[in-house]
Amino acid sequence: MAGLPDLQGKTILQVAPELSAGGVERTVLEVTEAIVEAGGRALLASKGGRLEREFARLGGELIRMDAKSRNPVTIKLNEGRLRQVIREQTVSLVHARSRAPAWSAWAAAKAEGVPFVTTYHGAYSGTSGLKRAYNSVMAKGDLVIANSQWIAAHIREVHGTDPARIVTIPRGVDLSVFDPAAVPPADVERVRALWGLAGDPRLILLLPGRLTRWKGQGLALDALALLPPEERAGLVLVLAGDAQGRDAYVTELQQQITRLGLTGAAQVSQHITSADMPAAYLAAGLVLAPSIRPEAFGRVAAEASAMERPVIVSDHGGARETVVEYETGTRAEPGSAPALAGALRAILSLGPDARAAMGREGRAHVARHFSKRGLQAATLSVYKRLLE
């Protein structure tokens, strides 16, 4: 329990839409691990998903409900269900991580008189009065956790939240997992083989993440096509991620590869499991995260830096906090293929030794500011503050 506040005898109920893949889900798991280690009981109200087994292994208890639905009737029914859970399980505190289930959780916690915490995971889209009202639930926590300084400023500006109620806790990276020394070379070769690049001497540019337009896969292809042919010949771009049903977008990317003459120089790859992510970063020489929209934090940049890989990100949102310009990577104008191509040329021109030094500084930066242990201790300190 070293470094964690004591939660003996306390039951914490987290509420999240599902347990699939993403930053919200990963943080649910990390906080669950900390709650159990600190002597508490960790419950989760959620629809469930592919990470259920890992959640259970960490000691979490799943309360299955349709926490993903935005249907007002379902939200109201969930409120009643959560009130029952709070009473029957003697819940000490409720922590909501997404808007639809947060409305149910806020009403239930308020009715039952238990502390309510929210984590504001992203700058939600929509500026209409109705949309802003829907988003506002994420600022209703007794304490509101922002996962970057940029999100903290967004909460103050959009919702007028008292800064004293906002606690900035960046997402964390497990430095024992994302550690170059902990990954067997055979795992790296296996990932390269999965991509069809075993023995390929070209430098791999990796863009991992959900296959969705705002993550910038199409932008990366446009940028690669702008490089001179002689520079492009030594590179291969891997777009690795889960389509999550966006098959039309995958087809669009494949057609774009053909149209730009990038066949063999770029590919759309299958989803990388969380267990294989460290090896995937090591298989690459450079990692890209060129999101079109601002990311609240940007886990890819932090994980890649922890694996000692230089990173190119879009120059907005939380990425400005995770990447130090020309020390751990570089930043490019959001949405600009020429700017991204220029950033690529700049990093590639440094040579392998300078890129390796940049990677080492990236790991040191993550260790100082974005460790999983730091997130766990800070989150449990928020709980302790309200419970006392």
Protein backbone atom coordinates (compact mmCIF):
# COMPACT_ATOMS: atom_id res chain seq x y z
CA MET A 1 0.00 0.00 0.00
CA ALA A 2 3.10 2.21 -0.22
CA GLY A 3 2.27 5.62 -1.66
CA LEU A 4 -1.51 5.09 -1.62
CA PRO A 5 -4.04 6.54 0.84
CA ASP A 6 -5.74 3.97 3.09
CA LEU A 7 -9.19 2.91 1.83
CA GLN A 8 -9.80 0.10 4.34
CA GLY A 9 -13.52 -0.50 4.71
CA LYS A 10 -14.46 1.82 1.82
CA THR A 11 -16.42 0.83 -1.28
CA ILE A 12 -15.85 2.89 -4.42
CA LEU A 13 -18.30 2.66 -7.31
CA GLN A 14 -16.95 3.70 -10.69
CA VAL A 15 -19.44 4.22 -13.54
CA ALA A 16 -18.37 3.93 -17.19
CA PRO A 17 -20.18 3.03 -20.44
CA GLU A 18 -18.25 -0.15 -21.24
CA LEU A 19 -15.02 -2.09 -20.85
CA SER A 20 -13.75 -2.22 -24.41
CA ALA A 21 -10.62 -0.32 -25.46
CA GLY A 22 -9.70 3.27 -24.82
CA GLY A 23 -8.35 5.75 -22.34
CA VAL A 24 -11.43 5.73 -20.13
CA GLU A 25 -11.39 1.97 -19.79
CA ARG A 26 -7.66 1.80 -19.15
CA THR A 27 -7.95 4.37 -16.38
CA VAL A 28 -10.85 2.42 -14.85
CA LEU A 29 -8.54 -0.60 -14.61
CA GLU A 30 -5.66 1.39 -13.14
CA VAL A 31 -7.83 2.96 -10.46
CA THR A 32 -9.48 -0.39 -9.70
CA GLU A 33 -6.03 -1.87 -9.07
CA ALA A 34 -5.20 0.99 -6.69
CA ILE A 35 -8.49 0.79 -4.76
CA VAL A 36 -8.01 -2.91 -4.09
CA GLU A 37 -4.35 -2.46 -3.16
CA ALA A 38 -5.33 0.32 -0.73
CA GLY A 39 -7.73 -2.05 1.05
CA GLY A 40 -10.94 -0.84 -0.56
CA ARG A 41 -13.63 -2.56 -2.57
CA ALA A 42 -13.85 -1.65 -6.28
CA LEU A 43 -17.22 -1.81 -8.04
CA LEU A 44 -17.97 -0.83 -11.62
CA ALA A 45 -21.39 -0.20 -13.16
CA SER A 46 -20.91 -0.79 -16.88
CA LYS A 47 -22.12 -2.62 -19.96
CA GLY A 48 -18.89 -4.64 -19.84
CA GLY A 49 -16.71 -5.69 -22.76
CA ARG A 50 -13.43 -7.27 -23.81
CA LEU A 51 -11.54 -6.06 -20.69
CA GLU A 52 -13.85 -7.78 -18.19
CA ARG A 53 -11.39 -10.58 -17.47
CA GLU A 54 -8.56 -8.16 -16.73
CA PHE A 55 -10.89 -6.09 -14.54
CA ALA A 56 -11.83 -9.18 -12.53
CA ARG A 57 -8.18 -10.22 -12.23
CA LEU A 58 -7.44 -6.87 -10.59
CA GLY A 59 -10.12 -7.52 -7.99
CA GLY A 60 -12.94 -5.47 -9.47
CA GLU A 61 -16.61 -6.43 -9.25
CA LEU A 62 -18.77 -5.73 -12.32
CA ILE A 63 -22.38 -4.60 -11.94
CA ARG A 64 -23.75 -5.04 -15.43
CA MET A 65 -26.12 -2.41 -16.74
CA ASP A 66 -26.70 -0.49 -19.95
CA ALA A 67 -24.56 2.44 -18.85
CA LYS A 68 -23.83 3.41 -22.46
CA SER A 69 -27.38 4.34 -23.45
CA ARG A 70 -28.36 8.00 -23.87
CA ASN A 71 -32.05 7.14 -23.83
CA PRO A 72 -33.67 9.32 -21.12
CA VAL A 73 -35.80 6.41 -19.94
CA THR A 74 -32.75 4.15 -19.57
CA ILE A 75 -30.85 6.92 -17.76
CA LYS A 76 -33.73 7.26 -15.30
CA LEU A 77 -33.96 3.51 -14.79
CA ASN A 78 -30.20 3.38 -14.20
CA GLU A 79 -30.57 6.04 -11.52
CA GLY A 80 -32.90 3.78 -9.59
CA ARG A 81 -30.61 0.80 -10.06
CA LEU A 82 -27.58 2.78 -8.87
CA ARG A 83 -29.44 4.03 -5.81
CA GLN A 84 -30.16 0.41 -4.93
CA VAL A 85 -26.50 -0.52 -5.44
CA ILE A 86 -25.35 2.37 -3.26
CA ARG A 87 -27.61 1.25 -0.41
CA GLU A 88 -27.12 -2.51 -0.69
CA GLN A 89 -23.34 -2.41 -1.21
CA THR A 90 -22.76 0.45 1.27
CA VAL A 91 -21.02 2.52 -1.37
CA SER A 92 -18.79 5.24 0.09
CA LEU A 93 -18.21 7.30 -3.08
CA VAL A 94 -19.32 7.34 -6.73
CA HIS A 95 -16.93 8.20 -9.58
CA ALA A 96 -18.44 8.82 -13.04
CA ARG A 97 -16.40 8.81 -16.25
CA SER A 98 -18.82 9.55 -19.09
CA ARG A 99 -21.85 11.76 -19.67
CA ALA A 100 -24.79 9.37 -20.07
CA PRO A 101 -24.00 7.24 -17.00
CA ALA A 102 -22.88 10.36 -15.12
CA TRP A 103 -26.41 11.76 -15.17
CA SER A 104 -27.71 8.58 -13.51
CA ALA A 105 -24.79 8.45 -11.09
CA TRP A 106 -25.05 12.13 -10.11
CA ALA A 107 -28.76 11.85 -9.32
CA ALA A 108 -28.26 8.59 -7.41
CA ALA A 109 -25.31 9.88 -5.38
CA LYS A 110 -27.14 13.10 -4.56
CA ALA A 111 -30.26 11.22 -3.46
CA GLU A 112 -28.27 8.81 -1.30
CA GLY A 113 -25.98 11.46 0.18
CA VAL A 114 -22.61 10.06 -0.93
CA PRO A 115 -19.71 12.01 -2.45
CA PHE A 116 -19.67 12.29 -6.25
CA VAL A 117 -16.52 12.61 -8.39
CA THR A 118 -16.28 13.04 -12.15
CA THR A 119 -13.34 12.68 -14.51
CA TYR A 120 -13.58 15.04 -17.47
CA HIS A 121 -11.97 12.83 -20.12
CA GLY A 122 -12.37 15.04 -23.19
CA ALA A 123 -13.46 18.37 -24.62
CA TYR A 124 -16.91 17.22 -25.68
CA SER A 125 -18.17 18.45 -29.03
CA GLY A 126 -21.19 20.71 -29.45
CA THR A 127 -21.78 24.34 -28.55
CA SER A 128 -25.58 24.54 -28.57
CA GLY A 129 -27.38 25.25 -25.33
CA LEU A 130 -28.80 21.73 -25.19
CA LYS A 131 -25.44 20.10 -25.85
CA ARG A 132 -23.67 22.26 -23.28
CA ALA A 133 -26.34 21.35 -20.74
CA TYR A 134 -25.84 17.64 -21.48
CA ASN A 135 -22.07 17.99 -21.11
CA SER A 136 -22.38 19.97 -17.88
CA VAL A 137 -22.88 16.86 -15.76
CA MET A 138 -19.16 16.18 -16.04
CA ALA A 139 -18.55 19.39 -14.09
CA LYS A 140 -21.04 18.53 -11.33
CA GLY A 141 -18.65 16.46 -9.22
CA ASP A 142 -17.93 17.54 -5.67
CA LEU A 143 -14.44 17.42 -7.13
CA VAL A 144 -13.81 17.31 -10.88
CA ILE A 145 -10.72 15.53 -12.21
CA ALA A 146 -9.22 17.00 -15.38
CA ASN A 147 -6.80 14.74 -17.21
CA SER A 148 -4.64 17.61 -18.48
CA GLN A 149 -4.06 21.27 -17.81
CA TRP A 150 -5.74 22.00 -21.13
CA ILE A 151 -8.91 20.20 -20.00
CA ALA A 152 -8.82 22.03 -16.64
CA ALA A 153 -8.81 25.36 -18.52
CA HIS A 154 -11.65 24.10 -20.75
CA ILE A 155 -13.79 23.22 -17.70
CA ARG A 156 -13.27 26.66 -16.18
CA GLU A 157 -14.05 28.43 -19.44
CA VAL A 158 -17.07 26.41 -20.58
CA HIS A 159 -18.75 25.62 -17.25
CA GLY A 160 -17.48 28.39 -14.99
CA THR A 161 -16.42 25.79 -12.45
CA ASP A 162 -14.67 27.05 -9.33
CA PRO A 163 -10.96 26.24 -9.81
CA ALA A 164 -10.90 24.98 -6.20
CA ARG A 165 -13.13 22.07 -7.30
CA ILE A 166 -10.87 21.05 -10.21
CA VAL A 167 -7.98 18.64 -9.68
CA THR A 168 -5.62 18.02 -12.61
CA ILE A 169 -4.47 14.38 -12.75
CA PRO A 170 -2.82 13.40 -16.05
CA ARG A 171 -3.33 9.89 -17.33
CA GLY A 172 -0.62 7.50 -16.29
CA VAL A 173 1.69 5.07 -18.03
CA ASP A 174 2.71 1.82 -16.36
CA LEU A 175 6.48 2.18 -16.54
CA SER A 176 7.02 -1.45 -15.59
CA VAL A 177 5.06 -2.58 -18.67
CA PHE A 178 6.10 0.19 -21.04
CA ASP A 179 9.78 -0.44 -20.50
CA PRO A 180 12.11 -1.21 -23.43
CA ALA A 181 14.20 -3.49 -21.22
CA ALA A 182 11.15 -5.61 -20.32
CA VAL A 183 10.17 -6.55 -23.89
CA PRO A 184 11.76 -9.71 -25.33
CA PRO A 185 13.20 -9.20 -28.84
CA ALA A 186 11.09 -12.15 -30.00
CA ASP A 187 7.94 -10.19 -29.18
CA VAL A 188 9.13 -7.30 -31.35
CA GLU A 189 9.85 -9.66 -34.24
CA ARG A 190 6.45 -11.30 -33.83
CA VAL A 191 4.72 -7.92 -34.17
CA ARG A 192 6.81 -7.10 -37.24
CA ALA A 193 5.77 -10.43 -38.70
CA LEU A 194 2.10 -9.69 -38.01
CA TRP A 195 2.54 -6.56 -40.10
CA GLY A 196 4.29 -8.54 -42.84
CA LEU A 197 7.52 -6.60 -42.18
CA ALA A 198 9.79 -9.29 -40.73
CA GLY A 199 13.31 -8.57 -41.91
CA ASP A 200 12.21 -5.38 -43.68
CA PRO A 201 15.03 -2.80 -43.31
CA ARG A 202 12.75 0.23 -43.70
CA LEU A 203 12.00 2.52 -40.74
CA ILE A 204 8.49 1.89 -39.46
CA LEU A 205 6.27 4.90 -38.81
CA LEU A 206 3.51 3.74 -36.45
CA LEU A 207 0.16 5.46 -36.01
CA PRO A 208 -1.75 3.42 -33.40
CA GLY A 209 -5.29 4.14 -32.26
CA ARG A 210 -8.92 3.70 -33.19
CA LEU A 211 -9.51 3.80 -36.92
CA THR A 212 -11.61 6.94 -36.97
CA ARG A 213 -11.20 10.04 -39.10
CA TRP A 214 -10.30 12.46 -36.31
CA LYS A 215 -7.28 10.37 -35.29
CA GLY A 216 -5.59 11.55 -38.48
CA GLN A 217 -4.84 8.37 -40.44
CA GLY A 218 -5.82 10.01 -43.72
CA LEU A 219 -3.72 13.05 -42.88
CA ALA A 220 -0.69 10.84 -42.25
CA LEU A 221 -1.12 9.21 -45.66
CA ASP A 222 -1.28 12.62 -47.34
CA ALA A 223 1.86 13.70 -45.48
CA LEU A 224 3.76 10.56 -46.47
CA ALA A 225 2.82 11.14 -50.11
CA LEU A 226 4.34 14.63 -49.93
CA LEU A 227 7.81 13.29 -49.08
CA PRO A 228 10.29 12.99 -51.96
CA PRO A 229 10.30 9.44 -53.38
CA GLU A 230 13.91 8.86 -52.35
CA GLU A 231 13.04 9.64 -48.69
CA ARG A 232 9.80 7.68 -48.77
CA ALA A 233 11.65 4.60 -50.07
CA GLY A 234 13.19 4.00 -46.64
CA LEU A 235 9.90 4.25 -44.75
CA VAL A 236 6.74 2.27 -44.19
CA LEU A 237 3.65 3.63 -42.43
CA VAL A 238 1.55 1.26 -40.32
CA LEU A 239 -1.96 2.39 -39.34
CA ALA A 240 -2.80 -0.02 -36.54
CA GLY A 241 -6.11 0.11 -34.73
CA ASP A 242 -9.61 -1.15 -34.13
CA ALA A 243 -12.21 -0.07 -36.69
CA GLN A 244 -15.02 -0.65 -34.16
CA GLY A 245 -17.49 -1.12 -37.02
CA ARG A 246 -16.16 1.71 -39.22
CA ASP A 247 -15.60 -0.58 -42.18
CA ALA A 248 -16.39 2.17 -44.68
CA TYR A 249 -13.56 4.27 -43.26
CA VAL A 250 -11.12 1.36 -43.53
CA THR A 251 -12.09 0.94 -47.18
CA GLU A 252 -11.60 4.67 -47.69
CA LEU A 253 -8.07 4.48 -46.24
CA GLN A 254 -7.17 1.54 -48.44
CA GLN A 255 -8.43 3.39 -51.50
CA GLN A 256 -6.44 6.46 -50.45
CA ILE A 257 -3.26 4.34 -50.23
CA THR A 258 -3.84 3.15 -53.80
CA ARG A 259 -4.75 6.61 -55.12
CA LEU A 260 -1.62 8.22 -53.61
CA GLY A 261 0.66 5.52 -54.99
CA LEU A 262 1.57 4.29 -51.49
CA THR A 263 0.92 0.60 -52.03
CA GLY A 264 3.70 -1.20 -50.15
CA ALA A 265 4.68 2.02 -48.36
CA ALA A 266 1.61 2.21 -46.13
CA GLN A 267 -0.84 -0.30 -44.73
CA VAL A 268 -3.88 -0.60 -42.50
CA SER A 269 -3.14 -3.23 -39.87
CA GLN A 270 -5.21 -5.15 -37.38
CA HIS A 271 -5.88 -3.93 -33.86
CA ILE A 272 -2.93 -4.27 -31.51
CA THR A 273 -3.82 -5.86 -28.17
CA SER A 274 -2.81 -4.01 -25.02
CA ALA A 275 -0.32 -6.82 -24.28
CA ASP A 276 1.43 -6.24 -27.62
CA MET A 277 1.55 -2.43 -27.50
CA PRO A 278 5.03 -2.18 -25.88
CA ALA A 279 6.48 -4.46 -28.56
CA ALA A 280 4.65 -2.51 -31.28
CA TYR A 281 6.25 0.75 -30.15
CA LEU A 282 9.67 -0.91 -30.12
CA ALA A 283 9.09 -2.29 -33.60
CA ALA A 284 8.67 1.29 -34.83
CA GLY A 285 11.32 3.95 -35.23
CA LEU A 286 8.93 6.89 -34.98
CA VAL A 287 5.37 7.19 -33.62
CA LEU A 288 2.68 9.53 -34.96
CA ALA A 289 -0.41 10.93 -33.22
CA PRO A 290 -1.68 13.60 -35.68
CA SER A 291 -5.21 13.99 -34.29
CA ILE A 292 -7.46 16.41 -36.17
CA ARG A 293 -9.34 17.34 -33.01
CA PRO A 294 -7.56 18.21 -29.76
CA GLU A 295 -6.92 15.21 -27.52
CA ALA A 296 -7.61 15.67 -23.84
CA PHE A 297 -4.34 13.98 -23.03
CA GLY A 298 -3.05 11.62 -25.70
CA ARG A 299 -2.02 8.27 -24.24
CA VAL A 300 -0.20 7.20 -27.42
CA ALA A 301 2.36 9.98 -27.09
CA ALA A 302 3.05 9.17 -23.44
CA GLU A 303 3.29 5.40 -24.00
CA ALA A 304 5.55 5.78 -27.02
CA SER A 305 7.81 8.16 -25.11
CA ALA A 306 8.00 5.65 -22.25
CA MET A 307 9.23 3.13 -24.85
CA GLU A 308 11.95 5.61 -25.87
CA ARG A 309 10.45 6.44 -29.23
CA PRO A 310 10.29 10.02 -30.55
CA VAL A 311 6.75 11.20 -31.24
CA ILE A 312 5.11 13.64 -33.66
CA VAL A 313 1.78 15.02 -32.43
CA SER A 314 -0.65 17.73 -33.47
CA ASP A 315 0.07 21.05 -31.81
CA HIS A 316 -3.11 21.38 -29.76
CA GLY A 317 -4.85 20.01 -26.69
CA GLY A 318 -3.12 17.90 -24.09
CA ALA A 319 -0.42 16.82 -26.56
CA ARG A 320 1.36 20.08 -25.84
CA GLU A 321 1.96 18.76 -22.33
CA THR A 322 3.11 15.26 -23.27
CA VAL A 323 5.63 16.18 -25.99
CA VAL A 324 8.48 18.62 -25.37
CA GLU A 325 9.39 20.31 -28.65
CA TYR A 326 12.62 18.88 -30.10
CA GLU A 327 13.45 17.17 -26.82
CA THR A 328 11.03 14.22 -26.87
CA GLY A 329 9.55 14.74 -30.34
CA THR A 330 7.88 17.55 -32.21
CA ARG A 331 4.47 19.09 -32.89
CA ALA A 332 2.86 19.93 -36.21
CA GLU A 333 0.06 22.27 -37.20
CA PRO A 334 -3.22 20.36 -36.73
CA GLY A 335 -4.86 19.15 -39.92
CA SER A 336 -2.01 20.24 -42.21
CA ALA A 337 -0.42 17.52 -44.33
CA PRO A 338 2.47 19.81 -45.43
CA ALA A 339 3.21 20.65 -41.78
CA LEU A 340 3.16 16.97 -40.80
CA ALA A 341 5.42 16.12 -43.75
CA GLY A 342 7.81 18.85 -42.63
CA ALA A 343 7.85 17.48 -39.08
CA LEU A 344 8.58 14.01 -40.45
CA ARG A 345 11.50 15.30 -42.52
CA ALA A 346 12.86 17.25 -39.55
CA ILE A 347 12.86 14.27 -37.18
CA LEU A 348 14.17 11.86 -39.80
CA SER A 349 17.01 14.23 -40.71
CA LEU A 350 18.34 14.06 -37.15
CA GLY A 351 19.65 10.55 -37.70
CA PRO A 352 19.33 7.42 -35.52
CA ASP A 353 21.62 8.55 -32.69
CA ALA A 354 19.79 11.84 -32.14
CA ARG A 355 16.41 10.07 -32.35
CA ALA A 356 17.60 7.55 -29.74
CA ALA A 357 18.63 10.40 -27.43
CA MET A 358 15.24 12.02 -27.98
CA GLY A 359 13.58 8.73 -27.02
CA ARG A 360 15.56 8.46 -23.80
CA GLU A 361 14.57 11.99 -22.82
CA GLY A 362 10.96 11.08 -23.60
CA ARG A 363 11.02 8.23 -21.10
CA ALA A 364 12.52 10.49 -18.44
CA HIS A 365 9.80 13.09 -19.11
CA VAL A 366 7.02 10.51 -18.73
CA ALA A 367 8.57 9.12 -15.54
CA ARG A 368 8.59 12.61 -14.04
CA HIS A 369 5.07 13.63 -14.99
CA PHE A 370 2.86 10.80 -16.29
CA SER A 371 3.37 7.59 -14.31
CA LYS A 372 0.53 5.20 -13.52
CA ARG A 373 1.50 5.27 -9.85
CA GLY A 374 1.18 9.03 -9.82
CA LEU A 375 -2.33 8.81 -11.29
CA GLN A 376 -3.36 6.14 -8.80
CA ALA A 377 -2.07 8.00 -5.74
CA ALA A 378 -3.56 11.31 -6.85
CA THR A 379 -6.98 9.79 -7.63
CA LEU A 380 -7.19 7.99 -4.29
CA SER A 381 -6.17 11.23 -2.57
CA VAL A 382 -9.23 12.86 -4.16
CA TYR A 383 -11.38 10.07 -2.73
CA LYS A 384 -9.77 10.40 0.71
CA ARG A 385 -10.28 14.17 0.70
CA LEU A 386 -14.03 13.79 0.15
CA LEU A 387 -14.45 10.79 2.44
CA GLU A 388 -12.88 12.73 5.31
